[in-house]
Amino acid sequence: MPMDFLRRIEKEQLPLTVTDPLDTRNVAVLTATGLVEAILPQESEAFDLPGVVLRITPSGRVELQRIRDKSA
């Protein structure tokens, strides 16, 4: 799930290259929703190509905090 992926990369050093097709799909969803900025393969079906997460946006940070508050 994209939100699980967002939580997973929260502590990673960015930029982060993702090569797993599922991770690339998650990055595409998070990019579309404005939670991360990333460089993705140009073709929508090219999830087998690597992508690069550049940063978690302020909206992404707010969402991560919301998830933490909900878990508490």
Protein backbone atom coordinates (compact mmCIF):
# COMPACT_ATOMS: atom_id res chain seq x y z
CA MET A 1 0.00 0.00 0.00
CA PRO A 2 1.26 3.49 -0.78
CA MET A 3 0.90 4.73 2.81
CA ASP A 4 2.91 1.80 4.14
CA PHE A 5 5.59 2.65 1.60
CA LEU A 6 5.53 6.31 2.69
CA ARG A 7 6.02 5.26 6.30
CA ARG A 8 8.84 2.94 5.25
CA ILE A 9 10.79 5.64 3.44
CA GLU A 10 10.24 8.34 6.06
CA LYS A 11 13.62 7.68 7.70
CA GLU A 12 15.51 6.85 4.48
CA GLN A 13 18.10 9.18 3.06
CA LEU A 14 16.68 10.86 -0.02
CA PRO A 15 16.94 10.81 -2.97
CA LEU A 16 16.01 7.13 -2.90
CA THR A 17 16.07 4.90 -5.98
CA VAL A 18 13.31 2.31 -6.11
CA THR A 19 13.61 -0.68 -8.40
CA ASP A 20 10.83 -2.98 -7.23
CA PRO A 21 7.80 -2.59 -9.54
CA LEU A 22 5.41 -2.47 -6.57
CA ASP A 23 7.46 0.31 -4.97
CA THR A 24 7.45 2.21 -8.27
CA ARG A 25 3.66 1.94 -8.39
CA ASN A 26 3.46 3.20 -4.81
CA VAL A 27 5.68 6.15 -5.70
CA ALA A 28 3.44 6.92 -8.68
CA VAL A 29 0.36 7.02 -6.42
CA LEU A 30 2.12 9.14 -3.80
CA THR A 31 3.34 11.52 -6.48
CA ALA A 32 -0.13 11.83 -7.98
CA THR A 33 -1.56 12.68 -4.56
CA GLY A 34 1.19 15.23 -3.87
CA LEU A 35 2.73 13.38 -0.94
CA VAL A 36 6.16 12.91 -2.55
CA GLU A 37 8.13 14.41 -5.39
CA ALA A 38 9.76 11.83 -7.61
CA ILE A 39 11.23 11.11 -11.00
CA LEU A 40 9.32 8.23 -12.57
CA PRO A 41 9.57 6.32 -15.85
CA GLN A 42 7.77 8.24 -18.59
CA GLU A 43 5.55 5.41 -19.77
CA SER A 44 2.66 4.62 -17.43
CA GLU A 45 3.19 0.89 -17.94
CA ALA A 46 6.95 1.04 -17.27
CA PHE A 47 6.78 0.16 -13.57
CA ASP A 48 9.65 -2.28 -14.07
CA LEU A 49 12.01 0.69 -14.58
CA PRO A 50 13.55 2.44 -11.57
CA GLY A 51 12.14 5.60 -10.07
CA VAL A 52 13.71 8.12 -7.71
CA VAL A 53 11.95 9.63 -4.71
CA LEU A 54 13.34 13.14 -4.34
CA ARG A 55 11.52 14.26 -1.21
CA ILE A 56 8.49 13.84 0.98
CA THR A 57 6.40 16.98 0.55
CA PRO A 58 4.99 19.03 3.44
CA SER A 59 1.61 17.41 2.70
CA GLY A 60 3.29 14.02 2.97
CA ARG A 61 4.76 14.97 6.35
CA VAL A 62 1.30 16.06 7.54
CA GLU A 63 -0.13 12.73 6.41
CA LEU A 64 2.61 10.82 8.24
CA GLN A 65 1.80 12.75 11.43
CA ARG A 66 -1.90 12.01 10.95
CA ILE A 67 -1.09 8.29 10.67
CA ARG A 68 1.01 8.44 13.85
CA ASP A 69 -1.76 10.30 15.73
CA LYS A 70 -4.32 7.75 14.56
CA SER A 71 -2.12 4.87 15.77
CA ALA A 72 -1.64 6.37 19.24
